């Protein structure tokens, strides 16, 4: 039976099982999710797959750590209780970071802006507003390149509480152009493109 095996052999078996679980998840589940996300045009599923890649290693490492503690006869219930208390303390200390992350999740899910969009941000509170092109949308911050080429990092909680005008959603405008001579059509077309 499992209990009759040496504790160090059981620890080795737990570690090997954890590595096997990681490899199965990485090569089968994550690859299937990547194929599905590559087949779609939106970037929400790409970011979700990236988040799962990072998060599954943390969860697996924590589970292996608890199993190894339990295997060596250490009670894990007090450890879980203290981890819960530590989680509450960290949550209260990192309130702004958690607010940025949750706002980032809502920005990614609701998609009021996308990478490449030209947006204008109204002055949100004490932060100064501005406009530019969205270059990156992360979980905590969104990067916007303004007309001077300067990249500004906006906390996602600030963007979530701001009025954002997205110029990329505007319909293309039709401009009337009258040309009296046939060879001026090319000139009118070029001037409209500028």
C-alpha atoms as a PDB file:
ATOM      1  CA  UNK A   1       0.000   0.000   0.000  1.00  0.00           C
ATOM      2  CA  UNK A   2       0.964   3.674  -0.313  1.00  0.00           C
ATOM      3  CA  UNK A   3       1.636   4.066   3.424  1.00  0.00           C
ATOM      4  CA  UNK A   4       4.122   1.192   3.493  1.00  0.00           C
ATOM      5  CA  UNK A   5       6.415   2.890   0.947  1.00  0.00           C
ATOM      6  CA  UNK A   6       9.345   4.967   2.232  1.00  0.00           C
ATOM      7  CA  UNK A   7       8.424   8.647   2.677  1.00  0.00           C
ATOM      8  CA  UNK A   8      11.191   9.805   0.322  1.00  0.00           C
ATOM      9  CA  UNK A   9      10.047   7.435  -2.434  1.00  0.00           C
ATOM     10  CA  UNK A  10       6.522   8.750  -2.015  1.00  0.00           C
ATOM     11  CA  UNK A  11       7.871  12.333  -2.246  1.00  0.00           C
ATOM     12  CA  UNK A  12       9.696  11.402  -5.431  1.00  0.00           C
ATOM     13  CA  UNK A  13       6.508   9.856  -6.837  1.00  0.00           C
ATOM     14  CA  UNK A  14       4.551  13.030  -5.988  1.00  0.00           C
ATOM     15  CA  UNK A  15       7.160  15.187  -7.748  1.00  0.00           C
ATOM     16  CA  UNK A  16       7.199  12.908 -10.822  1.00  0.00           C
ATOM     17  CA  UNK A  17       3.373  12.957 -10.903  1.00  0.00           C
ATOM     18  CA  UNK A  18       3.449  16.762 -10.682  1.00  0.00           C
ATOM     19  CA  UNK A  19       5.925  17.017 -13.555  1.00  0.00           C
ATOM     20  CA  UNK A  20       3.814  14.576 -15.582  1.00  0.00           C
ATOM     21  CA  UNK A  21       0.662  16.620 -14.870  1.00  0.00           C
ATOM     22  CA  UNK A  22       2.493  19.795 -15.946  1.00  0.00           C
ATOM     23  CA  UNK A  23       3.677  18.209 -19.207  1.00  0.00           C
ATOM     24  CA  UNK A  24       0.235  16.785 -20.019  1.00  0.00           C
ATOM     25  CA  UNK A  25      -1.376  20.162 -19.340  1.00  0.00           C
ATOM     26  CA  UNK A  26       1.294  22.011 -21.332  1.00  0.00           C
ATOM     27  CA  UNK A  27       1.418  19.755 -24.383  1.00  0.00           C
ATOM     28  CA  UNK A  28      -2.236  18.800 -24.678  1.00  0.00           C
ATOM     29  CA  UNK A  29      -4.503  21.308 -22.962  1.00  0.00           C
ATOM     30  CA  UNK A  30      -2.485  24.475 -23.633  1.00  0.00           C
ATOM     31  CA  UNK A  31      -1.725  23.526 -27.243  1.00  0.00           C
ATOM     32  CA  UNK A  32      -5.405  22.876 -27.873  1.00  0.00           C
ATOM     33  CA  UNK A  33      -6.269  26.247 -26.325  1.00  0.00           C
ATOM     34  CA  UNK A  34      -3.573  27.949 -28.429  1.00  0.00           C
ATOM     35  CA  UNK A  35      -4.979  26.412 -31.618  1.00  0.00           C
ATOM     36  CA  UNK A  36      -8.441  27.625 -30.718  1.00  0.00           C
ATOM     37  CA  UNK A  37      -7.176  31.124 -29.893  1.00  0.00           C
ATOM     38  CA  UNK A  38      -5.129  31.304 -33.110  1.00  0.00           C
ATOM     39  CA  UNK A  39      -8.259  30.509 -35.109  1.00  0.00           C
ATOM     40  CA  UNK A  40     -10.092  33.551 -33.749  1.00  0.00           C
ATOM     41  CA  UNK A  41      -9.501  37.193 -34.587  1.00  0.00           C
ATOM     42  CA  UNK A  42      -9.934  38.770 -31.168  1.00  0.00           C
ATOM     43  CA  UNK A  43      -7.137  39.028 -28.636  1.00  0.00           C
ATOM     44  CA  UNK A  44      -9.204  38.202 -25.546  1.00  0.00           C
ATOM     45  CA  UNK A  45      -8.602  34.465 -25.868  1.00  0.00           C
ATOM     46  CA  UNK A  46      -4.893  35.053 -26.587  1.00  0.00           C
ATOM     47  CA  UNK A  47      -4.543  36.951 -23.322  1.00  0.00           C
ATOM     48  CA  UNK A  48      -6.583  34.321 -21.498  1.00  0.00           C
ATOM     49  CA  UNK A  49      -4.279  31.544 -22.755  1.00  0.00           C
ATOM     50  CA  UNK A  50      -1.248  33.593 -21.680  1.00  0.00           C
ATOM     51  CA  UNK A  51      -2.798  34.045 -18.230  1.00  0.00           C
ATOM     52  CA  UNK A  52      -3.529  30.288 -17.948  1.00  0.00           C
ATOM     53  CA  UNK A  53       0.078  29.489 -18.948  1.00  0.00           C
ATOM     54  CA  UNK A  54       1.387  31.606 -16.086  1.00  0.00           C
ATOM     55  CA  UNK A  55      -1.255  30.686 -13.552  1.00  0.00           C
ATOM     56  CA  UNK A  56      -1.200  26.892 -13.935  1.00  0.00           C
ATOM     57  CA  UNK A  57       2.453  26.703 -12.879  1.00  0.00           C
ATOM     58  CA  UNK A  58       1.694  28.636  -9.677  1.00  0.00           C
ATOM     59  CA  UNK A  59      -1.310  26.445  -8.846  1.00  0.00           C
ATOM     60  CA  UNK A  60       0.592  23.237  -9.594  1.00  0.00           C
ATOM     61  CA  UNK A  61       3.604  24.308  -7.515  1.00  0.00           C
ATOM     62  CA  UNK A  62       1.360  25.233  -4.573  1.00  0.00           C
ATOM     63  CA  UNK A  63      -0.499  21.899  -4.797  1.00  0.00           C
ATOM     64  CA  UNK A  64       2.784  19.962  -4.958  1.00  0.00           C
ATOM     65  CA  UNK A  65       4.099  21.864  -1.959  1.00  0.00           C
ATOM     66  CA  UNK A  66       0.985  21.001   0.068  1.00  0.00           C
ATOM     67  CA  UNK A  67       1.118  17.340  -0.971  1.00  0.00           C
ATOM     68  CA  UNK A  68       4.774  17.100   0.009  1.00  0.00           C
ATOM     69  CA  UNK A  69       4.071  18.673   3.395  1.00  0.00           C
ATOM     70  CA  UNK A  70       1.206  16.281   3.989  1.00  0.00           C
ATOM     71  CA  UNK A  71       3.355  13.348   2.844  1.00  0.00           C
ATOM     72  CA  UNK A  72       5.971  14.194   5.492  1.00  0.00           C
ATOM     73  CA  UNK A  73       3.338  14.291   8.232  1.00  0.00           C
ATOM     74  CA  UNK A  74       3.028  18.065   8.504  1.00  0.00           C
ATOM     75  CA  UNK A  75      -0.543  19.265   9.026  1.00  0.00           C
ATOM     76  CA  UNK A  76      -1.558  21.563   6.182  1.00  0.00           C
ATOM     77  CA  UNK A  77      -4.759  22.919   7.738  1.00  0.00           C
ATOM     78  CA  UNK A  78      -2.974  25.592   9.820  1.00  0.00           C
ATOM     79  CA  UNK A  79      -0.882  26.437   6.776  1.00  0.00           C
ATOM     80  CA  UNK A  80      -4.024  26.950   4.665  1.00  0.00           C
ATOM     81  CA  UNK A  81      -5.599  29.084   7.416  1.00  0.00           C
ATOM     82  CA  UNK A  82      -2.502  31.271   7.684  1.00  0.00           C
ATOM     83  CA  UNK A  83      -2.356  31.490   3.886  1.00  0.00           C
ATOM     84  CA  UNK A  84      -5.941  32.770   3.927  1.00  0.00           C
ATOM     85  CA  UNK A  85      -5.094  35.415   6.525  1.00  0.00           C
ATOM     86  CA  UNK A  86      -1.974  36.382   4.566  1.00  0.00           C
ATOM     87  CA  UNK A  87      -4.100  36.605   1.421  1.00  0.00           C
ATOM     88  CA  UNK A  88      -6.450  39.052   3.111  1.00  0.00           C
ATOM     89  CA  UNK A  89      -3.518  41.162   4.337  1.00  0.00           C
ATOM     90  CA  UNK A  90      -1.895  41.169   0.891  1.00  0.00           C
ATOM     91  CA  UNK A  91      -5.253  42.002  -0.701  1.00  0.00           C
ATOM     92  CA  UNK A  92      -5.720  45.013   1.532  1.00  0.00           C
ATOM     93  CA  UNK A  93      -2.137  46.161   0.974  1.00  0.00           C
ATOM     94  CA  UNK A  94      -2.347  45.738  -2.805  1.00  0.00           C
ATOM     95  CA  UNK A  95      -5.793  47.293  -3.219  1.00  0.00           C
ATOM     96  CA  UNK A  96      -4.745  49.590  -6.076  1.00  0.00           C
ATOM     97  CA  UNK A  97      -2.910  46.807  -7.896  1.00  0.00           C
ATOM     98  CA  UNK A  98      -5.938  44.533  -7.599  1.00  0.00           C
ATOM     99  CA  UNK A  99      -8.132  47.379  -8.829  1.00  0.00           C
ATOM    100  CA  UNK A 100      -5.842  47.817 -11.855  1.00  0.00           C
ATOM    101  CA  UNK A 101      -5.911  44.075 -12.584  1.00  0.00           C
ATOM    102  CA  UNK A 102      -9.696  43.811 -12.323  1.00  0.00           C
ATOM    103  CA  UNK A 103     -10.091  46.910 -14.488  1.00  0.00           C
ATOM    104  CA  UNK A 104      -7.667  45.365 -16.981  1.00  0.00           C
ATOM    105  CA  UNK A 105      -9.768  42.218 -17.130  1.00  0.00           C
ATOM    106  CA  UNK A 106     -12.861  44.331 -17.798  1.00  0.00           C
ATOM    107  CA  UNK A 107     -11.021  46.370 -20.462  1.00  0.00           C
ATOM    108  CA  UNK A 108      -9.931  43.173 -22.190  1.00  0.00           C
ATOM    109  CA  UNK A 109     -13.373  41.565 -21.904  1.00  0.00           C
ATOM    110  CA  UNK A 110     -15.514  44.618 -22.782  1.00  0.00           C
ATOM    111  CA  UNK A 111     -13.074  45.784 -25.474  1.00  0.00           C
ATOM    112  CA  UNK A 112     -13.814  49.512 -25.548  1.00  0.00           C
ATOM    113  CA  UNK A 113     -10.282  49.863 -26.929  1.00  0.00           C
ATOM    114  CA  UNK A 114      -8.025  47.551 -28.909  1.00  0.00           C
ATOM    115  CA  UNK A 115      -4.360  47.620 -29.816  1.00  0.00           C
ATOM    116  CA  UNK A 116      -3.891  50.050 -32.696  1.00  0.00           C
ATOM    117  CA  UNK A 117      -6.934  52.204 -31.873  1.00  0.00           C
ATOM    118  CA  UNK A 118      -6.581  55.978 -31.775  1.00  0.00           C
ATOM    119  CA  UNK A 119      -8.240  57.199 -28.596  1.00  0.00           C
ATOM    120  CA  UNK A 120      -8.768  60.363 -26.597  1.00  0.00           C
ATOM    121  CA  UNK A 121      -8.910  60.186 -22.817  1.00  0.00           C
ATOM    122  CA  UNK A 122     -10.742  62.940 -20.964  1.00  0.00           C
ATOM    123  CA  UNK A 123      -8.995  64.297 -17.908  1.00  0.00           C
ATOM    124  CA  UNK A 124      -9.679  61.644 -15.250  1.00  0.00           C
ATOM    125  CA  UNK A 125      -9.529  63.217 -11.804  1.00  0.00           C
ATOM    126  CA  UNK A 126      -6.049  64.510 -10.973  1.00  0.00           C
ATOM    127  CA  UNK A 127      -4.412  62.704 -13.925  1.00  0.00           C
ATOM    128  CA  UNK A 128      -3.970  64.605 -17.134  1.00  0.00           C
ATOM    129  CA  UNK A 129      -5.820  63.403 -20.172  1.00  0.00           C
ATOM    130  CA  UNK A 130      -4.453  62.923 -23.644  1.00  0.00           C
ATOM    131  CA  UNK A 131      -4.765  61.107 -26.904  1.00  0.00           C
ATOM    132  CA  UNK A 132      -2.758  58.680 -28.945  1.00  0.00           C
ATOM    133  CA  UNK A 133      -2.560  55.154 -30.302  1.00  0.00           C
ATOM    134  CA  UNK A 134      -2.994  52.127 -28.042  1.00  0.00           C
ATOM    135  CA  UNK A 135       0.174  50.013 -28.214  1.00  0.00           C
ATOM    136  CA  UNK A 136      -0.448  47.486 -25.445  1.00  0.00           C
ATOM    137  CA  UNK A 137      -3.250  46.467 -23.095  1.00  0.00           C
ATOM    138  CA  UNK A 138      -1.951  44.616 -20.072  1.00  0.00           C
ATOM    139  CA  UNK A 139      -3.597  43.398 -16.917  1.00  0.00           C
ATOM    140  CA  UNK A 140      -2.317  46.348 -14.852  1.00  0.00           C
ATOM    141  CA  UNK A 141      -1.483  49.088 -17.349  1.00  0.00           C
ATOM    142  CA  UNK A 142      -2.335  50.229 -20.863  1.00  0.00           C
ATOM    143  CA  UNK A 143       0.332  51.869 -23.024  1.00  0.00           C
ATOM    144  CA  UNK A 144      -0.579  54.716 -25.356  1.00  0.00           C
ATOM    145  CA  UNK A 145       1.847  56.376 -27.794  1.00  0.00           C
ATOM    146  CA  UNK A 146       1.034  60.068 -28.198  1.00  0.00           C
ATOM    147  CA  UNK A 147       1.727  62.231 -31.266  1.00  0.00           C
ATOM    148  CA  UNK A 148       5.227  63.065 -29.993  1.00  0.00           C
ATOM    149  CA  UNK A 149       6.109  59.360 -29.914  1.00  0.00           C
ATOM    150  CA  UNK A 150       6.124  59.268 -26.120  1.00  0.00           C
ATOM    151  CA  UNK A 151       4.653  56.120 -24.578  1.00  0.00           C
ATOM    152  CA  UNK A 152       2.361  56.799 -21.647  1.00  0.00           C
ATOM    153  CA  UNK A 153       1.408  54.090 -19.154  1.00  0.00           C
ATOM    154  CA  UNK A 154      -2.122  54.525 -17.834  1.00  0.00           C
ATOM    155  CA  UNK A 155      -3.245  52.417 -14.868  1.00  0.00           C
ATOM    156  CA  UNK A 156      -6.267  50.431 -15.988  1.00  0.00           C
ATOM    157  CA  UNK A 157      -8.318  51.636 -13.026  1.00  0.00           C
ATOM    158  CA  UNK A 158      -7.827  55.221 -14.264  1.00  0.00           C
ATOM    159  CA  UNK A 159      -8.893  54.243 -17.792  1.00  0.00           C
ATOM    160  CA  UNK A 160     -11.937  52.377 -16.480  1.00  0.00           C
ATOM    161  CA  UNK A 161     -13.085  55.571 -14.717  1.00  0.00           C
ATOM    162  CA  UNK A 162     -12.374  57.858 -17.689  1.00  0.00           C
ATOM    163  CA  UNK A 163     -14.390  58.954 -20.668  1.00  0.00           C
ATOM    164  CA  UNK A 164     -12.671  57.402 -23.690  1.00  0.00           C
ATOM    165  CA  UNK A 165     -13.386  58.526 -27.240  1.00  0.00           C
ATOM    166  CA  UNK A 166     -12.317  55.856 -29.713  1.00  0.00           C
ATOM    167  CA  UNK A 167     -11.727  57.401 -33.135  1.00  0.00           C
ATOM    168  CA  UNK A 168     -11.146  53.998 -34.724  1.00  0.00           C
ATOM    169  CA  UNK A 169     -14.854  53.212 -34.517  1.00  0.00           C
ATOM    170  CA  UNK A 170     -15.871  56.258 -36.549  1.00  0.00           C
ATOM    171  CA  UNK A 171     -17.215  55.580 -40.023  1.00  0.00           C
ATOM    172  CA  UNK A 172     -15.075  56.661 -42.947  1.00  0.00           C
ATOM    173  CA  UNK A 173     -16.010  60.112 -44.162  1.00  0.00           C
ATOM    174  CA  UNK A 174     -16.954  60.900 -47.756  1.00  0.00           C
ATOM    175  CA  UNK A 175     -15.420  64.100 -49.059  1.00  0.00           C
ATOM    176  CA  UNK A 176     -16.847  65.617 -52.235  1.00  0.00           C
ATOM    177  CA  UNK A 177     -14.177  66.563 -54.738  1.00  0.00           C
ATOM    178  CA  UNK A 178     -14.895  68.358 -57.957  1.00  0.00           C
ATOM    179  CA  UNK A 179     -12.270  68.291 -60.637  1.00  0.00           C
ATOM    180  CA  UNK A 180     -12.738  70.201 -63.868  1.00  0.00           C
ATOM    181  CA  UNK A 181     -10.049  68.441 -65.839  1.00  0.00           C
ATOM    182  CA  UNK A 182      -9.631  64.686 -66.289  1.00  0.00           C
ATOM    183  CA  UNK A 183      -5.932  64.654 -65.379  1.00  0.00           C
ATOM    184  CA  UNK A 184      -6.641  66.346 -62.017  1.00  0.00           C
ATOM    185  CA  UNK A 185      -8.515  63.303 -60.652  1.00  0.00           C
ATOM    186  CA  UNK A 186      -5.242  61.737 -59.568  1.00  0.00           C
ATOM    187  CA  UNK A 187      -4.229  64.965 -57.835  1.00  0.00           C
ATOM    188  CA  UNK A 188      -7.580  65.164 -55.970  1.00  0.00           C
ATOM    189  CA  UNK A 189      -7.265  61.539 -54.893  1.00  0.00           C
ATOM    190  CA  UNK A 190      -3.697  62.062 -53.613  1.00  0.00           C
ATOM    191  CA  UNK A 191      -4.665  65.176 -51.676  1.00  0.00           C
ATOM    192  CA  UNK A 192      -7.483  63.285 -49.961  1.00  0.00           C
ATOM    193  CA  UNK A 193      -5.105  60.504 -48.916  1.00  0.00           C
ATOM    194  CA  UNK A 194      -2.758  62.933 -47.125  1.00  0.00           C
END
